[in-house]
Amino acid sequence: MESNHLVSKSKKKWTAVIVIIVVVILVCLGMGAYKMMNANAGIKTGQYQAVFLTNGQVYFCKLSNINEGYVTCNDIYYLQVQQTVQPAEKKDGDQPKVSLAKLGSELHGPEDQMHINREQVLFWENLKDSSKVVTAIKENNK
């Protein structure tokens, strides 16, 4: 009779341990889903975003997804500095000529979508429709 009581107690302990493990797993999964939903919450999907990378590069694009591993960009533009082959005599106040380039016309022919490692992203921000970059993008799309 006492051995049945011990078996019953042991089963209850294991059941409790299993329930606790399941609850911990569900909480962890829920927190991960919450973090991913929160990361995407700030994206204004109808607008362009500026994505600043650790290497100094900035992409202007429409973010469609941010998760723990990658940031996905679509309709991508970047700044391109124009350089002359033969450098002319520099004058004080001369600024390099900068233009906006559309991703896709490069030598390697990339598609207009990019998945950037999340660790390489310093920060991103939504751009106003009135910004010079967005105005230039709209002009380019006409």
N, C-alpha and C. Protein backbone atom coordinates (compact mmCIF):
# COMPACT_ATOMS: atom_id res chain seq x y z
N MET A 1 0.81 -1.18 0.00
CA MET A 1 0.00 0.00 0.00
C MET A 1 0.87 1.26 0.00
N GLU A 2 1.94 1.19 0.76
CA GLU A 2 2.83 2.34 0.81
C GLU A 2 3.54 2.56 -0.53
N SER A 3 3.87 1.48 -1.25
CA SER A 3 4.54 1.62 -2.55
C SER A 3 3.62 2.28 -3.57
N ASN A 4 2.32 2.00 -3.53
CA ASN A 4 1.36 2.68 -4.42
C ASN A 4 1.31 4.17 -4.12
N HIS A 5 1.39 4.49 -2.86
CA HIS A 5 1.37 5.89 -2.44
C HIS A 5 2.62 6.61 -2.97
N LEU A 6 3.80 5.95 -2.90
CA LEU A 6 5.05 6.52 -3.40
C LEU A 6 5.00 6.70 -4.92
N VAL A 7 4.46 5.72 -5.63
CA VAL A 7 4.33 5.81 -7.09
C VAL A 7 3.41 6.96 -7.45
N SER A 8 2.33 7.10 -6.74
CA SER A 8 1.38 8.18 -6.99
C SER A 8 2.04 9.54 -6.77
N LYS A 9 2.81 9.67 -5.68
CA LYS A 9 3.53 10.92 -5.40
C LYS A 9 4.54 11.22 -6.49
N SER A 10 5.25 10.20 -6.93
CA SER A 10 6.27 10.36 -7.97
C SER A 10 5.64 10.82 -9.28
N LYS A 11 4.48 10.23 -9.62
CA LYS A 11 3.78 10.63 -10.85
C LYS A 11 3.35 12.09 -10.77
N LYS A 12 2.87 12.50 -9.61
CA LYS A 12 2.43 13.88 -9.42
C LYS A 12 3.60 14.85 -9.59
N LYS A 13 4.77 14.47 -9.03
CA LYS A 13 5.96 15.32 -9.16
C LYS A 13 6.36 15.46 -10.63
N TRP A 14 6.40 14.35 -11.35
CA TRP A 14 6.78 14.39 -12.77
C TRP A 14 5.77 15.18 -13.60
N THR A 15 4.51 15.03 -13.29
CA THR A 15 3.47 15.79 -13.99
C THR A 15 3.67 17.28 -13.74
N ALA A 16 3.96 17.65 -12.50
CA ALA A 16 4.19 19.06 -12.17
C ALA A 16 5.42 19.60 -12.91
N VAL A 17 6.50 18.80 -12.96
CA VAL A 17 7.72 19.22 -13.65
C VAL A 17 7.43 19.43 -15.14
N ILE A 18 6.71 18.50 -15.74
CA ILE A 18 6.38 18.60 -17.17
C ILE A 18 5.51 19.84 -17.43
N VAL A 19 4.55 20.09 -16.59
CA VAL A 19 3.67 21.26 -16.74
C VAL A 19 4.51 22.54 -16.64
N ILE A 20 5.42 22.60 -15.69
CA ILE A 20 6.27 23.78 -15.53
C ILE A 20 7.14 23.99 -16.77
N ILE A 21 7.73 22.92 -17.29
CA ILE A 21 8.57 23.02 -18.50
C ILE A 21 7.74 23.53 -19.68
N VAL A 22 6.55 23.00 -19.87
CA VAL A 22 5.68 23.44 -20.96
C VAL A 22 5.33 24.91 -20.81
N VAL A 23 5.02 25.34 -19.60
CA VAL A 23 4.67 26.75 -19.35
C VAL A 23 5.87 27.65 -19.67
N VAL A 24 7.07 27.26 -19.23
CA VAL A 24 8.28 28.05 -19.51
C VAL A 24 8.51 28.15 -21.01
N ILE A 25 8.36 27.06 -21.74
CA ILE A 25 8.54 27.07 -23.20
C ILE A 25 7.53 28.00 -23.86
N LEU A 26 6.28 27.91 -23.44
CA LEU A 26 5.24 28.78 -24.02
C LEU A 26 5.51 30.25 -23.73
N VAL A 27 5.96 30.56 -22.54
CA VAL A 27 6.29 31.95 -22.19
C VAL A 27 7.43 32.45 -23.05
N CYS A 28 8.47 31.63 -23.23
CA CYS A 28 9.61 32.03 -24.07
C CYS A 28 9.18 32.26 -25.51
N LEU A 29 8.37 31.37 -26.05
CA LEU A 29 7.87 31.54 -27.42
C LEU A 29 7.03 32.80 -27.53
N GLY A 30 6.20 33.04 -26.54
CA GLY A 30 5.37 34.25 -26.54
C GLY A 30 6.21 35.51 -26.49
N MET A 31 7.28 35.51 -25.70
CA MET A 31 8.15 36.68 -25.61
C MET A 31 8.87 36.91 -26.95
N GLY A 32 9.30 35.85 -27.60
CA GLY A 32 9.95 35.99 -28.91
C GLY A 32 9.00 36.56 -29.94
N ALA A 33 7.77 36.07 -29.95
CA ALA A 33 6.76 36.59 -30.89
C ALA A 33 6.45 38.05 -30.59
N TYR A 34 6.38 38.40 -29.31
CA TYR A 34 6.12 39.79 -28.92
C TYR A 34 7.24 40.71 -29.38
N LYS A 35 8.51 40.26 -29.23
CA LYS A 35 9.65 41.07 -29.67
C LYS A 35 9.59 41.30 -31.18
N MET A 36 9.26 40.25 -31.95
CA MET A 36 9.20 40.41 -33.40
C MET A 36 8.05 41.32 -33.80
N MET A 37 6.91 41.19 -33.14
CA MET A 37 5.78 42.06 -33.46
C MET A 37 6.12 43.50 -33.10
N ASN A 38 6.79 43.70 -31.99
CA ASN A 38 7.19 45.04 -31.57
C ASN A 38 8.18 45.66 -32.54
N ALA A 39 9.13 44.88 -33.06
CA ALA A 39 10.12 45.39 -34.00
C ALA A 39 9.45 45.88 -35.27
N ASN A 40 8.42 45.20 -35.72
CA ASN A 40 7.71 45.59 -36.94
C ASN A 40 6.67 46.68 -36.69
N ALA A 41 6.32 46.93 -35.43
CA ALA A 41 5.25 47.86 -35.10
C ALA A 41 5.56 49.29 -35.53
N GLY A 42 6.83 49.69 -35.51
CA GLY A 42 7.19 51.06 -35.85
C GLY A 42 7.30 51.34 -37.33
N ILE A 43 7.20 50.31 -38.17
CA ILE A 43 7.33 50.49 -39.61
C ILE A 43 6.05 51.11 -40.16
N LYS A 44 6.17 52.26 -40.80
CA LYS A 44 5.04 52.86 -41.49
C LYS A 44 5.09 52.33 -42.91
N THR A 45 4.28 51.32 -43.19
CA THR A 45 4.40 50.54 -44.42
C THR A 45 4.18 51.34 -45.70
N GLY A 46 3.48 52.43 -45.65
CA GLY A 46 3.27 53.23 -46.85
C GLY A 46 4.41 54.20 -47.14
N GLN A 47 5.39 54.26 -46.26
CA GLN A 47 6.48 55.22 -46.38
C GLN A 47 7.81 54.51 -46.61
N TYR A 48 8.82 55.32 -46.96
CA TYR A 48 10.18 54.82 -47.09
C TYR A 48 10.87 54.94 -45.74
N GLN A 49 11.87 54.07 -45.54
CA GLN A 49 12.69 54.12 -44.34
C GLN A 49 14.15 54.32 -44.74
N ALA A 50 14.92 54.92 -43.86
CA ALA A 50 16.37 55.00 -44.01
C ALA A 50 16.96 53.96 -43.06
N VAL A 51 17.81 53.08 -43.60
CA VAL A 51 18.42 52.01 -42.81
C VAL A 51 19.92 52.30 -42.74
N PHE A 52 20.44 52.54 -41.55
CA PHE A 52 21.83 52.89 -41.34
C PHE A 52 22.60 51.65 -40.87
N LEU A 53 23.67 51.31 -41.60
CA LEU A 53 24.44 50.10 -41.31
C LEU A 53 25.74 50.43 -40.57
N THR A 54 26.32 49.42 -39.97
CA THR A 54 27.56 49.59 -39.21
C THR A 54 28.75 49.97 -40.09
N ASN A 55 28.70 49.69 -41.40
CA ASN A 55 29.80 50.02 -42.30
C ASN A 55 29.69 51.43 -42.88
N GLY A 56 28.69 52.21 -42.42
CA GLY A 56 28.52 53.58 -42.89
C GLY A 56 27.55 53.71 -44.06
N GLN A 57 27.16 52.61 -44.67
CA GLN A 57 26.22 52.63 -45.79
C GLN A 57 24.82 52.94 -45.29
N VAL A 58 24.06 53.69 -46.10
CA VAL A 58 22.67 53.98 -45.78
C VAL A 58 21.83 53.55 -46.97
N TYR A 59 20.78 52.80 -46.72
CA TYR A 59 19.84 52.40 -47.77
C TYR A 59 18.50 53.06 -47.48
N PHE A 60 17.85 53.52 -48.55
CA PHE A 60 16.51 54.09 -48.47
C PHE A 60 15.60 53.08 -49.13
N CYS A 61 14.66 52.55 -48.38
CA CYS A 61 13.85 51.45 -48.89
C CYS A 61 12.53 51.38 -48.15
N LYS A 62 11.75 50.39 -48.51
CA LYS A 62 10.53 50.08 -47.78
C LYS A 62 10.78 48.80 -47.01
N LEU A 63 10.79 48.93 -45.69
CA LEU A 63 10.99 47.76 -44.85
C LEU A 63 9.72 46.92 -44.84
N SER A 64 9.88 45.62 -44.98
CA SER A 64 8.71 44.76 -44.96
C SER A 64 8.75 43.77 -43.80
N ASN A 65 9.90 43.57 -43.22
CA ASN A 65 9.99 42.60 -42.13
C ASN A 65 11.26 42.84 -41.33
N ILE A 66 11.10 42.78 -40.02
CA ILE A 66 12.25 42.80 -39.12
C ILE A 66 12.06 41.62 -38.19
N ASN A 67 13.07 40.76 -38.15
CA ASN A 67 13.01 39.67 -37.18
C ASN A 67 14.35 39.60 -36.46
N GLU A 68 14.56 38.58 -35.65
CA GLU A 68 15.78 38.51 -34.86
C GLU A 68 17.03 38.32 -35.71
N GLY A 69 16.88 37.80 -36.93
CA GLY A 69 18.04 37.53 -37.77
C GLY A 69 18.27 38.55 -38.87
N TYR A 70 17.19 39.03 -39.50
CA TYR A 70 17.33 39.86 -40.69
C TYR A 70 16.32 41.00 -40.74
N VAL A 71 16.69 42.01 -41.51
CA VAL A 71 15.81 43.12 -41.86
C VAL A 71 15.61 43.01 -43.37
N THR A 72 14.37 43.02 -43.85
CA THR A 72 14.09 42.89 -45.28
C THR A 72 13.73 44.25 -45.87
N CYS A 73 14.44 44.64 -46.93
CA CYS A 73 14.21 45.91 -47.62
C CYS A 73 13.73 45.63 -49.05
N ASN A 74 12.82 46.48 -49.53
CA ASN A 74 12.33 46.42 -50.91
C ASN A 74 12.37 47.83 -51.49
N ASP A 75 12.39 47.92 -52.83
CA ASP A 75 12.40 49.22 -53.52
C ASP A 75 13.55 50.06 -52.97
N ILE A 76 14.77 49.61 -53.21
CA ILE A 76 15.96 50.11 -52.53
C ILE A 76 16.72 51.15 -53.35
N TYR A 77 17.13 52.22 -52.66
CA TYR A 77 17.97 53.27 -53.22
C TYR A 77 19.13 53.50 -52.26
N TYR A 78 20.22 54.05 -52.78
CA TYR A 78 21.37 54.39 -51.94
C TYR A 78 22.07 55.61 -52.53
N LEU A 79 22.89 56.26 -51.72
CA LEU A 79 23.62 57.44 -52.18
C LEU A 79 24.90 57.00 -52.87
N GLN A 80 25.19 57.68 -53.98
CA GLN A 80 26.39 57.36 -54.76
C GLN A 80 27.18 58.65 -54.95
N VAL A 81 28.46 58.61 -54.59
CA VAL A 81 29.33 59.78 -54.73
C VAL A 81 29.98 59.72 -56.11
N GLN A 82 29.82 60.80 -56.89
CA GLN A 82 30.40 60.88 -58.23
C GLN A 82 31.87 61.26 -58.10
N GLN A 83 32.75 60.49 -58.72
CA GLN A 83 34.17 60.79 -58.71
C GLN A 83 34.67 60.91 -60.14
N THR A 84 35.54 61.88 -60.36
CA THR A 84 36.12 62.04 -61.69
C THR A 84 37.32 61.12 -61.82
N VAL A 85 37.60 60.70 -63.04
CA VAL A 85 38.74 59.82 -63.29
C VAL A 85 40.05 60.57 -63.03
N GLN A 86 40.13 61.77 -63.57
CA GLN A 86 41.30 62.63 -63.35
C GLN A 86 40.91 63.71 -62.35
N PRO A 87 41.40 63.64 -61.13
CA PRO A 87 41.00 64.64 -60.16
C PRO A 87 41.49 66.03 -60.56
N ALA A 88 40.56 66.96 -60.59
CA ALA A 88 40.90 68.34 -60.92
C ALA A 88 41.43 69.01 -59.66
N GLU A 89 41.94 70.20 -59.85
CA GLU A 89 42.45 70.95 -58.71
C GLU A 89 41.28 71.26 -57.77
N LYS A 90 41.44 70.88 -56.52
CA LYS A 90 40.36 71.10 -55.56
C LYS A 90 40.39 72.52 -55.06
N LYS A 91 39.21 73.08 -54.94
CA LYS A 91 39.05 74.42 -54.38
C LYS A 91 38.35 74.28 -53.04
N ASP A 92 38.63 75.21 -52.16
CA ASP A 92 37.94 75.19 -50.86
C ASP A 92 36.45 75.32 -51.09
N GLY A 93 35.69 74.56 -50.36
CA GLY A 93 34.23 74.63 -50.48
C GLY A 93 33.67 73.69 -51.54
N ASP A 94 34.52 73.02 -52.33
CA ASP A 94 34.02 72.06 -53.32
C ASP A 94 33.42 70.86 -52.59
N GLN A 95 32.21 70.55 -52.92
CA GLN A 95 31.52 69.41 -52.33
C GLN A 95 31.46 68.28 -53.35
N PRO A 96 31.63 67.04 -52.91
CA PRO A 96 31.48 65.93 -53.86
C PRO A 96 30.04 65.88 -54.36
N LYS A 97 29.87 65.48 -55.61
CA LYS A 97 28.53 65.37 -56.19
C LYS A 97 27.92 64.04 -55.77
N VAL A 98 26.77 64.12 -55.14
CA VAL A 98 26.10 62.94 -54.63
C VAL A 98 24.79 62.76 -55.39
N SER A 99 24.51 61.52 -55.78
CA SER A 99 23.25 61.23 -56.46
C SER A 99 22.60 60.01 -55.82
N LEU A 100 21.33 59.86 -56.10
CA LEU A 100 20.57 58.74 -55.59
C LEU A 100 20.55 57.64 -56.65
N ALA A 101 20.97 56.44 -56.30
CA ALA A 101 21.02 55.33 -57.25
C ALA A 101 20.01 54.26 -56.86
N LYS A 102 19.39 53.66 -57.85
CA LYS A 102 18.43 52.57 -57.64
C LYS A 102 19.17 51.25 -57.66
N LEU A 103 18.93 50.41 -56.67
CA LEU A 103 19.56 49.10 -56.64
C LEU A 103 19.04 48.25 -57.80
N GLY A 104 19.96 47.58 -58.48
CA GLY A 104 19.56 46.67 -59.55
C GLY A 104 20.37 46.85 -60.81
N SER A 105 20.99 48.03 -60.99
CA SER A 105 21.75 48.26 -62.22
C SER A 105 23.24 47.99 -62.02
N GLU A 106 23.63 47.45 -60.89
CA GLU A 106 25.04 47.16 -60.62
C GLU A 106 25.51 45.98 -61.48
N LEU A 107 26.81 45.83 -61.55
CA LEU A 107 27.44 44.80 -62.38
C LEU A 107 26.92 43.40 -62.06
N HIS A 108 26.70 43.10 -60.80
CA HIS A 108 26.27 41.75 -60.42
C HIS A 108 24.76 41.54 -60.58
N GLY A 109 24.00 42.60 -60.93
CA GLY A 109 22.58 42.48 -61.25
C GLY A 109 21.69 41.98 -60.14
N PRO A 110 21.71 42.62 -58.98
CA PRO A 110 20.86 42.14 -57.88
C PRO A 110 19.38 42.43 -58.12
N GLU A 111 18.53 41.63 -57.50
CA GLU A 111 17.10 41.91 -57.50
C GLU A 111 16.85 43.05 -56.53
N ASP A 112 15.67 43.63 -56.60
CA ASP A 112 15.34 44.80 -55.79
C ASP A 112 14.78 44.40 -54.43
N GLN A 113 15.47 43.49 -53.77
CA GLN A 113 15.13 43.09 -52.41
C GLN A 113 16.43 42.72 -51.72
N MET A 114 16.53 43.08 -50.45
CA MET A 114 17.75 42.82 -49.71
C MET A 114 17.39 42.33 -48.30
N HIS A 115 18.11 41.31 -47.86
CA HIS A 115 17.96 40.80 -46.50
C HIS A 115 19.26 41.14 -45.77
N ILE A 116 19.19 42.07 -44.83
CA ILE A 116 20.38 42.57 -44.14
C ILE A 116 20.45 41.92 -42.76
N ASN A 117 21.62 41.42 -42.42
CA ASN A 117 21.85 40.83 -41.11
C ASN A 117 21.51 41.87 -40.04
N ARG A 118 20.66 41.50 -39.10
CA ARG A 118 20.18 42.43 -38.07
C ARG A 118 21.33 43.05 -37.28
N GLU A 119 22.42 42.31 -37.09
CA GLU A 119 23.57 42.81 -36.34
C GLU A 119 24.28 43.95 -37.07
N GLN A 120 24.08 44.07 -38.38
CA GLN A 120 24.72 45.12 -39.16
C GLN A 120 23.92 46.41 -39.19
N VAL A 121 22.71 46.40 -38.64
CA VAL A 121 21.84 47.57 -38.64
C VAL A 121 22.03 48.35 -37.35
N LEU A 122 22.50 49.61 -37.49
CA LEU A 122 22.62 50.47 -36.30
C LEU A 122 21.23 50.93 -35.87
N PHE A 123 20.48 51.48 -36.85
CA PHE A 123 19.11 51.92 -36.59
C PHE A 123 18.43 52.18 -37.91
N TRP A 124 17.12 52.36 -37.87
CA TRP A 124 16.35 52.74 -39.05
C TRP A 124 15.33 53.77 -38.61
N GLU A 125 14.87 54.56 -39.58
CA GLU A 125 13.86 55.57 -39.27
C GLU A 125 12.92 55.74 -40.45
N ASN A 126 11.66 56.09 -40.14
CA ASN A 126 10.68 56.37 -41.17
C ASN A 126 10.99 57.74 -41.77
N LEU A 127 10.84 57.86 -43.10
CA LEU A 127 11.09 59.13 -43.77
C LEU A 127 9.77 59.82 -44.08
N LYS A 128 9.74 61.13 -43.94
CA LYS A 128 8.56 61.91 -44.28
C LYS A 128 8.42 61.95 -45.80
N ASP A 129 7.20 62.07 -46.29
CA ASP A 129 6.97 62.20 -47.73
C ASP A 129 7.60 63.48 -48.28
N SER A 130 7.82 64.47 -47.42
CA SER A 130 8.37 65.75 -47.86
C SER A 130 9.90 65.77 -47.86
N SER A 131 10.56 64.67 -47.46
CA SER A 131 12.03 64.66 -47.42
C SER A 131 12.60 64.73 -48.83
N LYS A 132 13.81 65.26 -48.95
CA LYS A 132 14.47 65.39 -50.26
C LYS A 132 14.70 64.02 -50.89
N VAL A 133 15.02 63.04 -50.08
CA VAL A 133 15.26 61.69 -50.60
C VAL A 133 13.97 61.11 -51.19
N VAL A 134 12.87 61.20 -50.45
CA VAL A 134 11.60 60.65 -50.94
C VAL A 134 11.13 61.41 -52.17
N THR A 135 11.33 62.71 -52.19
CA THR A 135 10.98 63.50 -53.37
C THR A 135 11.78 63.04 -54.59
N ALA A 136 13.08 62.79 -54.40
CA ALA A 136 13.92 62.31 -55.51
C ALA A 136 13.50 60.92 -55.96
N ILE A 137 13.13 60.06 -55.03
CA ILE A 137 12.66 58.71 -55.39
C ILE A 137 11.38 58.81 -56.21
N LYS A 138 10.46 59.65 -55.80
CA LYS A 138 9.21 59.82 -56.54
C LYS A 138 9.46 60.36 -57.93
N GLU A 139 10.39 61.28 -58.08
CA GLU A 139 10.75 61.81 -59.39
C GLU A 139 11.34 60.71 -60.26
N ASN A 140 12.16 59.86 -59.68
CA ASN A 140 12.78 58.76 -60.41
C ASN A 140 11.74 57.75 -60.88
N ASN A 141 10.69 57.56 -60.09
CA ASN A 141 9.65 56.58 -60.43
C ASN A 141 8.67 57.07 -61.50
N LYS A 142 8.71 58.36 -61.82
CA LYS A 142 7.77 58.89 -62.85
C LYS A 142 8.16 58.44 -64.22
